[in-house]
Amino acid sequence: MHNRLVTIAFILSFPSLFAQQSSTGPIGNGAVSNHAYRNPSLGFAYKFILGWVDRTDRMRDASPDPAKSQVLLAVFEHPPEIKAEGVNPAAVIAAESLSSLPGVNTSADYFEPLTAAATSQGFKVANEPYEVTVTGRVLVRSDFSKEMGKVTMYQSSLVMLSKGYAISFTFIGGSEDEVEQLVERLSFSATPRK
């Protein structure tokens, strides 16, 4: 039997990539309204599926350390604490201060620690980092997969650098098509707020 907690375990297996801080600095927390997360400071929105469970607050800790990253959004198809078979699709958006990431000067550089963490959890790289354009914004993307008995978990992470942070958009699903459908819900405005 497979456990839906594998999804959250994967996300939480990146302590430095998905740790949370209480202070948001210049990027703001953004806000959820009408099943959409919007962050005007960073110039993007993510429209999640009606009925999905928002666990953003539960994934945050109260550390005031500005070098830690913050989870901006964490939504799941089903509550991650409920045990069930299969993959629990998810979308997690996080921001990590570049000051805590020595050697990360480009979005592609961020994939070195992310790939190391993913492969240590049994994920295999399906596609090395490559550039993609999402509603006019160029990001870097890498894809992973993990065999879990009779099912496969697919995960794609897209990354951009903005305002001194690495912003990661991570999508998890039970098929490549499902992950693509989740990625398509991300959009960027022409100009983020300064």
N, C-alpha and C. Protein backbone atom coordinates (compact mmCIF):
# COMPACT_ATOMS: atom_id res chain seq x y z
N MET A 1 0.84 -1.19 0.00
CA MET A 1 0.00 0.00 0.00
C MET A 1 0.89 1.25 0.00
N HIS A 2 0.54 2.19 -0.84
CA HIS A 2 1.32 3.42 -0.94
C HIS A 2 0.65 4.51 -0.13
N ASN A 3 1.42 5.38 0.37
CA ASN A 3 0.93 6.38 1.30
C ASN A 3 0.98 7.77 0.66
N ARG A 4 -0.09 8.51 0.76
CA ARG A 4 -0.11 9.87 0.21
C ARG A 4 0.89 10.76 0.93
N LEU A 5 1.32 10.36 2.10
CA LEU A 5 2.31 11.15 2.82
C LEU A 5 3.65 11.18 2.10
N VAL A 6 3.85 10.29 1.13
CA VAL A 6 5.09 10.31 0.36
C VAL A 6 5.25 11.67 -0.31
N THR A 7 4.15 12.25 -0.77
CA THR A 7 4.21 13.56 -1.41
C THR A 7 4.77 14.60 -0.47
N ILE A 8 4.20 14.70 0.72
CA ILE A 8 4.69 15.71 1.66
C ILE A 8 6.08 15.35 2.16
N ALA A 9 6.37 14.05 2.28
CA ALA A 9 7.71 13.64 2.71
C ALA A 9 8.74 14.10 1.68
N PHE A 10 8.40 14.02 0.39
CA PHE A 10 9.31 14.48 -0.65
C PHE A 10 9.57 15.98 -0.49
N ILE A 11 8.51 16.73 -0.32
CA ILE A 11 8.65 18.18 -0.18
C ILE A 11 9.44 18.52 1.08
N LEU A 12 9.13 17.84 2.18
CA LEU A 12 9.82 18.12 3.43
C LEU A 12 11.23 17.53 3.48
N SER A 13 11.58 16.73 2.49
CA SER A 13 12.93 16.16 2.46
C SER A 13 13.96 17.19 2.02
N PHE A 14 13.50 18.37 1.63
CA PHE A 14 14.40 19.46 1.24
C PHE A 14 14.43 20.51 2.34
N PRO A 15 15.02 20.23 3.50
CA PRO A 15 14.92 21.18 4.59
C PRO A 15 15.44 22.56 4.23
N SER A 16 16.51 22.64 3.47
CA SER A 16 17.01 23.97 3.13
C SER A 16 16.25 24.58 1.97
N LEU A 17 15.59 23.76 1.17
CA LEU A 17 14.87 24.29 0.02
C LEU A 17 13.45 24.69 0.36
N PHE A 18 12.84 24.06 1.39
CA PHE A 18 11.45 24.34 1.70
C PHE A 18 11.23 24.74 3.15
N ALA A 19 12.28 25.14 3.87
CA ALA A 19 12.09 25.63 5.23
C ALA A 19 11.33 26.95 5.15
N GLN A 20 10.72 27.34 6.22
CA GLN A 20 9.86 28.53 6.19
C GLN A 20 10.36 29.59 7.14
N GLN A 21 10.25 30.81 6.74
CA GLN A 21 10.53 31.91 7.64
C GLN A 21 9.26 32.71 7.82
N SER A 22 9.19 33.45 8.91
CA SER A 22 7.97 34.22 9.17
C SER A 22 8.01 35.58 8.49
N SER A 23 9.18 36.12 8.27
CA SER A 23 9.31 37.41 7.62
C SER A 23 9.51 37.22 6.12
N THR A 24 8.80 37.99 5.34
CA THR A 24 8.85 37.76 3.90
C THR A 24 9.77 38.72 3.15
N GLY A 25 10.25 39.75 3.77
CA GLY A 25 11.13 40.66 3.07
C GLY A 25 10.45 41.29 1.86
N PRO A 26 11.21 41.52 0.78
CA PRO A 26 10.69 42.26 -0.36
C PRO A 26 9.75 41.47 -1.27
N ILE A 27 9.55 40.17 -1.01
CA ILE A 27 8.74 39.39 -1.94
C ILE A 27 7.29 39.24 -1.52
N GLY A 28 6.97 39.54 -0.28
CA GLY A 28 5.58 39.45 0.19
C GLY A 28 5.06 38.04 0.24
N ASN A 29 4.02 37.82 1.02
CA ASN A 29 3.39 36.51 1.12
C ASN A 29 2.44 36.23 -0.02
N GLY A 30 1.92 37.26 -0.65
CA GLY A 30 0.87 37.05 -1.63
C GLY A 30 -0.43 36.73 -0.90
N ALA A 31 -1.47 36.39 -1.65
CA ALA A 31 -2.77 36.11 -1.05
C ALA A 31 -3.54 35.11 -1.89
N VAL A 32 -4.40 34.34 -1.21
CA VAL A 32 -5.28 33.39 -1.89
C VAL A 32 -6.68 33.98 -1.93
N SER A 33 -7.28 33.95 -3.12
CA SER A 33 -8.66 34.40 -3.31
C SER A 33 -9.23 33.67 -4.52
N ASN A 34 -10.44 33.16 -4.39
CA ASN A 34 -11.10 32.46 -5.50
C ASN A 34 -10.23 31.34 -6.09
N HIS A 35 -9.64 30.53 -5.23
CA HIS A 35 -8.83 29.37 -5.64
C HIS A 35 -7.61 29.78 -6.47
N ALA A 36 -7.09 30.96 -6.19
CA ALA A 36 -5.88 31.42 -6.87
C ALA A 36 -4.96 32.11 -5.86
N TYR A 37 -3.68 31.81 -5.97
CA TYR A 37 -2.67 32.50 -5.18
C TYR A 37 -2.07 33.56 -6.09
N ARG A 38 -1.99 34.78 -5.59
CA ARG A 38 -1.39 35.87 -6.37
C ARG A 38 -0.29 36.52 -5.55
N ASN A 39 0.83 36.78 -6.20
CA ASN A 39 1.93 37.48 -5.55
C ASN A 39 2.33 38.63 -6.47
N PRO A 40 1.70 39.81 -6.27
CA PRO A 40 1.99 40.97 -7.13
C PRO A 40 3.45 41.41 -7.05
N SER A 41 4.09 41.23 -5.90
CA SER A 41 5.47 41.63 -5.74
C SER A 41 6.39 40.86 -6.70
N LEU A 42 6.08 39.57 -6.90
CA LEU A 42 6.87 38.74 -7.81
C LEU A 42 6.25 38.62 -9.20
N GLY A 43 5.04 39.14 -9.36
CA GLY A 43 4.41 39.19 -10.68
C GLY A 43 3.88 37.87 -11.20
N PHE A 44 3.35 37.00 -10.31
CA PHE A 44 2.79 35.75 -10.81
C PHE A 44 1.52 35.38 -10.05
N ALA A 45 0.79 34.45 -10.64
CA ALA A 45 -0.42 33.89 -10.01
C ALA A 45 -0.45 32.40 -10.28
N TYR A 46 -1.05 31.66 -9.35
CA TYR A 46 -1.25 30.24 -9.54
C TYR A 46 -2.69 29.90 -9.19
N LYS A 47 -3.44 29.42 -10.19
CA LYS A 47 -4.84 29.07 -9.99
C LYS A 47 -4.91 27.57 -9.71
N PHE A 48 -5.22 27.21 -8.45
CA PHE A 48 -5.27 25.79 -8.13
C PHE A 48 -6.69 25.25 -8.28
N ILE A 49 -6.82 23.95 -8.29
CA ILE A 49 -8.06 23.27 -8.61
C ILE A 49 -9.05 23.40 -7.45
N LEU A 50 -10.28 23.70 -7.79
CA LEU A 50 -11.37 23.81 -6.82
C LEU A 50 -11.44 22.54 -5.98
N GLY A 51 -11.46 22.71 -4.67
CA GLY A 51 -11.54 21.57 -3.76
C GLY A 51 -10.19 21.11 -3.23
N TRP A 52 -9.10 21.65 -3.76
CA TRP A 52 -7.79 21.27 -3.24
C TRP A 52 -7.61 21.85 -1.84
N VAL A 53 -6.75 21.21 -1.05
CA VAL A 53 -6.52 21.57 0.34
C VAL A 53 -5.28 22.44 0.46
N ASP A 54 -5.44 23.60 1.09
CA ASP A 54 -4.33 24.54 1.29
C ASP A 54 -3.66 24.21 2.62
N ARG A 55 -2.39 23.83 2.58
CA ARG A 55 -1.62 23.51 3.79
C ARG A 55 -0.43 24.46 3.95
N THR A 56 -0.50 25.62 3.35
CA THR A 56 0.61 26.58 3.41
C THR A 56 0.98 26.90 4.84
N ASP A 57 0.01 27.27 5.67
CA ASP A 57 0.30 27.66 7.05
C ASP A 57 0.95 26.53 7.84
N ARG A 58 0.54 25.29 7.59
CA ARG A 58 1.10 24.15 8.32
C ARG A 58 2.53 23.84 7.93
N MET A 59 2.95 24.28 6.76
CA MET A 59 4.31 24.01 6.30
C MET A 59 5.28 25.12 6.68
N ARG A 60 4.79 26.14 7.35
CA ARG A 60 5.64 27.25 7.77
C ARG A 60 6.09 27.03 9.21
N ASP A 61 7.29 27.52 9.52
CA ASP A 61 7.68 27.58 10.92
C ASP A 61 7.90 29.04 11.27
N ALA A 62 8.08 29.31 12.53
CA ALA A 62 8.13 30.70 12.99
C ALA A 62 9.54 31.25 13.06
N SER A 63 10.49 30.61 12.43
CA SER A 63 11.87 31.08 12.49
C SER A 63 11.99 32.48 11.87
N PRO A 64 12.59 33.41 12.60
CA PRO A 64 12.78 34.76 12.05
C PRO A 64 14.04 34.87 11.19
N ASP A 65 14.77 33.78 10.99
CA ASP A 65 16.02 33.79 10.24
C ASP A 65 15.77 34.14 8.77
N PRO A 66 16.21 35.33 8.32
CA PRO A 66 15.97 35.74 6.94
C PRO A 66 16.74 34.91 5.92
N ALA A 67 17.70 34.10 6.36
CA ALA A 67 18.44 33.26 5.42
C ALA A 67 17.64 32.01 5.05
N LYS A 68 16.61 31.69 5.82
CA LYS A 68 15.78 30.53 5.50
C LYS A 68 14.79 30.91 4.41
N SER A 69 14.26 29.89 3.77
CA SER A 69 13.28 30.15 2.72
C SER A 69 11.89 30.12 3.29
N GLN A 70 10.94 30.44 2.45
CA GLN A 70 9.55 30.45 2.88
C GLN A 70 8.67 29.74 1.88
N VAL A 71 7.69 29.03 2.40
CA VAL A 71 6.70 28.40 1.55
C VAL A 71 5.64 29.46 1.29
N LEU A 72 5.44 29.79 0.02
CA LEU A 72 4.44 30.79 -0.35
C LEU A 72 3.08 30.14 -0.56
N LEU A 73 3.08 28.91 -1.08
CA LEU A 73 1.84 28.17 -1.32
C LEU A 73 2.13 26.68 -1.29
N ALA A 74 1.26 25.92 -0.62
CA ALA A 74 1.35 24.45 -0.61
C ALA A 74 -0.08 23.93 -0.65
N VAL A 75 -0.50 23.43 -1.83
CA VAL A 75 -1.85 22.91 -1.99
C VAL A 75 -1.78 21.47 -2.48
N PHE A 76 -2.74 20.66 -2.01
CA PHE A 76 -2.78 19.23 -2.30
C PHE A 76 -4.18 18.84 -2.74
N GLU A 77 -4.27 17.81 -3.57
CA GLU A 77 -5.58 17.32 -3.98
C GLU A 77 -6.35 16.79 -2.77
N HIS A 78 -5.65 16.09 -1.90
CA HIS A 78 -6.26 15.54 -0.68
C HIS A 78 -5.40 15.94 0.50
N PRO A 79 -5.95 16.01 1.70
CA PRO A 79 -5.11 16.33 2.86
C PRO A 79 -3.92 15.37 2.93
N PRO A 80 -2.70 15.87 2.99
CA PRO A 80 -1.52 14.99 2.97
C PRO A 80 -1.42 14.10 4.20
N GLU A 81 -2.11 14.44 5.27
CA GLU A 81 -2.04 13.62 6.47
C GLU A 81 -2.92 12.37 6.40
N ILE A 82 -3.76 12.25 5.37
CA ILE A 82 -4.62 11.09 5.19
C ILE A 82 -3.88 10.02 4.39
N LYS A 83 -3.81 8.82 4.95
CA LYS A 83 -3.12 7.72 4.28
C LYS A 83 -4.03 7.12 3.21
N ALA A 84 -3.47 6.92 2.03
CA ALA A 84 -4.21 6.29 0.93
C ALA A 84 -3.23 5.83 -0.12
N GLU A 85 -3.70 5.01 -1.03
CA GLU A 85 -2.84 4.54 -2.11
C GLU A 85 -2.68 5.62 -3.17
N GLY A 86 -1.58 5.56 -3.90
CA GLY A 86 -1.38 6.45 -5.03
C GLY A 86 -0.64 7.72 -4.68
N VAL A 87 -0.60 8.59 -5.66
CA VAL A 87 0.10 9.86 -5.55
C VAL A 87 -0.91 10.94 -5.22
N ASN A 88 -0.57 11.81 -4.30
CA ASN A 88 -1.40 12.96 -3.95
C ASN A 88 -0.86 14.16 -4.72
N PRO A 89 -1.51 14.55 -5.83
CA PRO A 89 -1.01 15.69 -6.60
C PRO A 89 -0.88 16.94 -5.73
N ALA A 90 0.12 17.74 -6.03
CA ALA A 90 0.40 18.92 -5.22
C ALA A 90 1.06 20.01 -6.05
N ALA A 91 0.96 21.24 -5.52
CA ALA A 91 1.68 22.38 -6.06
C ALA A 91 2.28 23.11 -4.87
N VAL A 92 3.60 23.30 -4.89
CA VAL A 92 4.29 23.99 -3.79
C VAL A 92 5.15 25.09 -4.40
N ILE A 93 4.97 26.29 -3.89
CA ILE A 93 5.77 27.43 -4.34
C ILE A 93 6.56 27.91 -3.14
N ALA A 94 7.87 28.01 -3.31
CA ALA A 94 8.75 28.41 -2.21
C ALA A 94 9.75 29.45 -2.69
N ALA A 95 10.25 30.23 -1.73
CA ALA A 95 11.26 31.24 -2.02
C ALA A 95 12.41 31.07 -1.04
N GLU A 96 13.62 31.02 -1.56
CA GLU A 96 14.79 30.87 -0.70
C GLU A 96 15.77 32.00 -0.99
N SER A 97 16.23 32.63 0.08
CA SER A 97 17.17 33.73 -0.05
C SER A 97 18.46 33.27 -0.72
N LEU A 98 18.89 34.02 -1.71
CA LEU A 98 20.13 33.68 -2.40
C LEU A 98 21.33 33.80 -1.47
N SER A 99 21.20 34.58 -0.39
CA SER A 99 22.31 34.71 0.56
C SER A 99 22.59 33.38 1.27
N SER A 100 21.61 32.48 1.29
CA SER A 100 21.82 31.17 1.92
C SER A 100 22.23 30.10 0.90
N LEU A 101 22.43 30.51 -0.34
CA LEU A 101 22.74 29.57 -1.41
C LEU A 101 24.04 29.95 -2.11
N PRO A 102 25.19 29.71 -1.47
CA PRO A 102 26.45 30.08 -2.12
C PRO A 102 26.61 29.35 -3.44
N GLY A 103 27.04 30.08 -4.45
CA GLY A 103 27.26 29.48 -5.76
C GLY A 103 26.04 29.48 -6.66
N VAL A 104 24.88 29.90 -6.14
CA VAL A 104 23.68 29.98 -6.98
C VAL A 104 23.59 31.39 -7.54
N ASN A 105 23.97 31.51 -8.81
CA ASN A 105 23.95 32.81 -9.49
C ASN A 105 22.92 32.85 -10.61
N THR A 106 22.45 31.67 -11.02
CA THR A 106 21.44 31.57 -12.07
C THR A 106 20.38 30.57 -11.62
N SER A 107 19.26 30.58 -12.28
CA SER A 107 18.20 29.61 -11.97
C SER A 107 18.70 28.18 -12.15
N ALA A 108 19.52 27.94 -13.18
CA ALA A 108 20.04 26.60 -13.42
C ALA A 108 20.92 26.13 -12.26
N ASP A 109 21.66 27.05 -11.63
CA ASP A 109 22.51 26.69 -10.50
C ASP A 109 21.71 26.09 -9.34
N TYR A 110 20.47 26.52 -9.18
CA TYR A 110 19.63 26.07 -8.07
C TYR A 110 19.34 24.57 -8.16
N PHE A 111 19.44 24.02 -9.37
CA PHE A 111 19.11 22.60 -9.54
C PHE A 111 20.19 21.67 -8.99
N GLU A 112 21.37 22.17 -8.72
CA GLU A 112 22.38 21.29 -8.13
C GLU A 112 21.93 20.79 -6.75
N PRO A 113 21.57 21.68 -5.79
CA PRO A 113 21.10 21.16 -4.50
C PRO A 113 19.74 20.47 -4.60
N LEU A 114 18.86 20.96 -5.47
CA LEU A 114 17.55 20.34 -5.60
C LEU A 114 17.66 18.92 -6.15
N THR A 115 18.49 18.72 -7.17
CA THR A 115 18.67 17.39 -7.75
C THR A 115 19.33 16.45 -6.76
N ALA A 116 20.29 16.93 -5.99
CA ALA A 116 20.94 16.09 -4.97
C ALA A 116 19.91 15.63 -3.94
N ALA A 117 19.05 16.53 -3.51
CA ALA A 117 18.02 16.17 -2.52
C ALA A 117 17.01 15.19 -3.12
N ALA A 118 16.60 15.41 -4.35
CA ALA A 118 15.62 14.53 -4.99
C ALA A 118 16.18 13.12 -5.19
N THR A 119 17.39 13.03 -5.70
CA THR A 119 17.97 11.71 -5.95
C THR A 119 18.25 10.97 -4.64
N SER A 120 18.55 11.69 -3.57
CA SER A 120 18.77 11.03 -2.27
C SER A 120 17.47 10.43 -1.74
N GLN A 121 16.32 10.87 -2.26
CA GLN A 121 15.02 10.35 -1.86
C GLN A 121 14.49 9.31 -2.85
N GLY A 122 15.33 8.87 -3.76
CA GLY A 122 14.94 7.81 -4.70
C GLY A 122 14.37 8.30 -6.02
N PHE A 123 14.37 9.60 -6.25
CA PHE A 123 13.89 10.13 -7.53
C PHE A 123 15.00 10.03 -8.57
N LYS A 124 14.60 9.85 -9.80
CA LYS A 124 15.52 9.83 -10.92
C LYS A 124 15.27 11.06 -11.78
N VAL A 125 16.33 11.59 -12.34
CA VAL A 125 16.20 12.75 -13.22
C VAL A 125 15.64 12.27 -14.55
N ALA A 126 14.49 12.80 -14.92
CA ALA A 126 13.88 12.47 -16.21
C ALA A 126 14.37 13.44 -17.28
N ASN A 127 14.54 14.71 -16.91
CA ASN A 127 15.04 15.73 -17.82
C ASN A 127 15.94 16.67 -17.04
N GLU A 128 17.19 16.81 -17.51
CA GLU A 128 18.12 17.76 -16.91
C GLU A 128 17.54 19.17 -17.05
N PRO A 129 18.03 20.14 -16.28
CA PRO A 129 17.49 21.51 -16.37
C PRO A 129 17.51 22.06 -17.80
N TYR A 130 16.39 22.69 -18.17
CA TYR A 130 16.24 23.30 -19.49
C TYR A 130 15.33 24.52 -19.36
N GLU A 131 15.47 25.46 -20.28
CA GLU A 131 14.67 26.68 -20.24
C GLU A 131 13.27 26.43 -20.78
N VAL A 132 12.28 27.07 -20.12
CA VAL A 132 10.90 27.05 -20.57
C VAL A 132 10.36 28.47 -20.44
N THR A 133 9.34 28.78 -21.23
CA THR A 133 8.69 30.07 -21.13
C THR A 133 7.25 29.85 -20.69
N VAL A 134 6.88 30.55 -19.62
CA VAL A 134 5.52 30.48 -19.09
C VAL A 134 4.94 31.89 -19.16
N THR A 135 3.93 32.08 -19.97
CA THR A 135 3.29 33.38 -20.21
C THR A 135 4.31 34.52 -20.28
N GLY A 136 5.32 34.31 -21.11
CA GLY A 136 6.31 35.35 -21.38
C GLY A 136 7.49 35.38 -20.44
N ARG A 137 7.49 34.62 -19.38
CA ARG A 137 8.59 34.61 -18.40
C ARG A 137 9.45 33.37 -18.62
N VAL A 138 10.77 33.57 -18.73
CA VAL A 138 11.69 32.45 -18.92
C VAL A 138 12.09 31.91 -17.55
N LEU A 139 11.90 30.60 -17.37
CA LEU A 139 12.29 29.90 -16.16
C LEU A 139 13.15 28.71 -16.55
N VAL A 140 13.76 28.05 -15.57
CA VAL A 140 14.50 26.83 -15.81
C VAL A 140 13.71 25.71 -15.14
N ARG A 141 13.62 24.57 -15.83
CA ARG A 141 12.81 23.45 -15.36
C ARG A 141 13.62 22.16 -15.38
N SER A 142 13.33 21.29 -14.45
CA SER A 142 13.86 19.94 -14.45
C SER A 142 12.75 19.00 -14.01
N ASP A 143 12.77 17.76 -14.51
CA ASP A 143 11.72 16.79 -14.24
C ASP A 143 12.32 15.55 -13.58
N PHE A 144 11.54 14.96 -12.67
CA PHE A 144 11.97 13.80 -11.91
C PHE A 144 10.85 12.76 -11.88
N SER A 145 11.20 11.52 -11.58
CA SER A 145 10.18 10.49 -11.37
C SER A 145 10.69 9.51 -10.33
N LYS A 146 9.73 8.83 -9.69
CA LYS A 146 10.07 7.84 -8.66
C LYS A 146 9.08 6.69 -8.73
N GLU A 147 9.60 5.49 -8.91
CA GLU A 147 8.76 4.30 -8.92
C GLU A 147 8.36 3.99 -7.48
N MET A 148 7.07 3.75 -7.29
CA MET A 148 6.54 3.43 -5.96
C MET A 148 5.64 2.21 -6.10
N GLY A 149 6.26 1.05 -6.29
CA GLY A 149 5.48 -0.16 -6.50
C GLY A 149 4.81 -0.14 -7.85
N LYS A 150 3.47 -0.10 -7.84
CA LYS A 150 2.71 -0.12 -9.09
C LYS A 150 2.46 1.27 -9.66
N VAL A 151 2.84 2.30 -8.94
CA VAL A 151 2.62 3.66 -9.43
C VAL A 151 3.94 4.41 -9.54
N THR A 152 3.91 5.48 -10.31
CA THR A 152 5.08 6.35 -10.46
C THR A 152 4.68 7.76 -10.07
N MET A 153 5.52 8.39 -9.27
CA MET A 153 5.32 9.79 -8.90
C MET A 153 6.16 10.64 -9.85
N TYR A 154 5.54 11.66 -10.44
CA TYR A 154 6.23 12.58 -11.34
C TYR A 154 6.31 13.94 -10.66
N GLN A 155 7.44 14.58 -10.80
CA GLN A 155 7.64 15.87 -10.17
C GLN A 155 8.41 16.77 -11.13
N SER A 156 7.93 17.99 -11.30
CA SER A 156 8.64 18.99 -12.09
C SER A 156 8.82 20.24 -11.24
N SER A 157 10.02 20.80 -11.31
CA SER A 157 10.30 22.04 -10.60
C SER A 157 10.74 23.08 -11.62
N LEU A 158 10.16 24.26 -11.50
CA LEU A 158 10.53 25.40 -12.33
C LEU A 158 11.10 26.45 -11.38
N VAL A 159 12.14 27.15 -11.81
CA VAL A 159 12.83 28.09 -10.93
C VAL A 159 13.11 29.40 -11.65
N MET A 160 12.97 30.49 -10.90
CA MET A 160 13.39 31.81 -11.37
C MET A 160 14.08 32.51 -10.21
N LEU A 161 14.95 33.47 -10.53
CA LEU A 161 15.57 34.31 -9.52
C LEU A 161 14.90 35.67 -9.58
N SER A 162 14.55 36.21 -8.41
CA SER A 162 13.90 37.52 -8.36
C SER A 162 14.09 38.13 -6.98
N LYS A 163 14.47 39.40 -6.94
CA LYS A 163 14.55 40.17 -5.71
C LYS A 163 15.42 39.51 -4.64
N GLY A 164 16.50 38.86 -5.07
CA GLY A 164 17.41 38.23 -4.13
C GLY A 164 16.97 36.86 -3.64
N TYR A 165 15.99 36.26 -4.32
CA TYR A 165 15.47 34.94 -3.94
C TYR A 165 15.47 34.00 -5.14
N ALA A 166 15.57 32.71 -4.84
CA ALA A 166 15.30 31.66 -5.82
C ALA A 166 13.85 31.26 -5.56
N ILE A 167 12.99 31.43 -6.55
CA ILE A 167 11.58 31.09 -6.42
C ILE A 167 11.39 29.76 -7.15
N SER A 168 10.92 28.74 -6.41
CA SER A 168 10.71 27.43 -7.03
C SER A 168 9.22 27.10 -7.07
N PHE A 169 8.81 26.56 -8.18
CA PHE A 169 7.43 26.12 -8.41
C PHE A 169 7.51 24.61 -8.62
N THR A 170 7.03 23.83 -7.67
CA THR A 170 7.13 22.38 -7.73
C THR A 170 5.75 21.76 -7.88
N PHE A 171 5.62 20.89 -8.87
CA PHE A 171 4.34 20.25 -9.17
C PHE A 171 4.53 18.74 -9.13
N ILE A 172 3.63 18.05 -8.44
CA ILE A 172 3.71 16.61 -8.28
C ILE A 172 2.42 15.99 -8.75
N GLY A 173 2.53 14.89 -9.51
CA GLY A 173 1.34 14.21 -10.00
C GLY A 173 1.59 12.74 -10.26
N GLY A 174 0.53 12.04 -10.60
CA GLY A 174 0.60 10.62 -10.87
C GLY A 174 0.88 10.28 -12.32
N SER A 175 1.01 11.31 -13.16
CA SER A 175 1.37 11.11 -14.57
C SER A 175 2.04 12.38 -15.08
N GLU A 176 2.76 12.25 -16.19
CA GLU A 176 3.38 13.44 -16.79
C GLU A 176 2.31 14.43 -17.24
N ASP A 177 1.20 13.91 -17.79
CA ASP A 177 0.11 14.79 -18.23
C ASP A 177 -0.48 15.57 -17.06
N GLU A 178 -0.64 14.90 -15.93
CA GLU A 178 -1.19 15.59 -14.76
C GLU A 178 -0.27 16.71 -14.31
N VAL A 179 1.04 16.47 -14.31
CA VAL A 179 1.99 17.51 -13.94
C VAL A 179 1.90 18.67 -14.92
N GLU A 180 1.80 18.38 -16.23
CA GLU A 180 1.69 19.45 -17.23
C GLU A 180 0.45 20.30 -16.99
N GLN A 181 -0.66 19.66 -16.64
CA GLN A 181 -1.89 20.40 -16.36
C GLN A 181 -1.71 21.32 -15.15
N LEU A 182 -0.95 20.89 -14.18
CA LEU A 182 -0.68 21.73 -13.01
C LEU A 182 0.22 22.91 -13.38
N VAL A 183 1.23 22.64 -14.20
CA VAL A 183 2.15 23.71 -14.64
C VAL A 183 1.37 24.77 -15.42
N GLU A 184 0.42 24.37 -16.24
CA GLU A 184 -0.34 25.30 -17.07
C GLU A 184 -1.18 26.28 -16.26
N ARG A 185 -1.36 26.04 -14.97
CA ARG A 185 -2.14 26.93 -14.12
C ARG A 185 -1.30 28.10 -13.59
N LEU A 186 0.00 28.10 -13.87
CA LEU A 186 0.91 29.17 -13.46
C LEU A 186 0.91 30.25 -14.53
N SER A 187 0.85 31.50 -14.09
CA SER A 187 0.92 32.61 -15.07
C SER A 187 1.68 33.79 -14.47
N PHE A 188 2.26 34.58 -15.37
CA PHE A 188 3.04 35.75 -14.97
C PHE A 188 2.44 37.00 -15.57
N SER A 189 2.51 38.09 -14.79
CA SER A 189 2.07 39.39 -15.31
C SER A 189 3.26 40.03 -16.01
N ALA A 190 3.01 41.09 -16.73
CA ALA A 190 4.06 41.74 -17.51
C ALA A 190 5.18 42.28 -16.61
N THR A 191 4.81 42.92 -15.51
CA THR A 191 5.82 43.50 -14.65
C THR A 191 5.47 43.31 -13.18
N PRO A 192 6.37 42.73 -12.40
CA PRO A 192 6.13 42.62 -10.96
C PRO A 192 6.24 43.97 -10.28
N ARG A 193 5.59 44.10 -9.14
CA ARG A 193 5.68 45.33 -8.36
C ARG A 193 7.07 45.48 -7.78
N LYS A 194 7.55 46.70 -7.73
CA LYS A 194 8.88 46.96 -7.15
C LYS A 194 8.77 47.19 -5.68
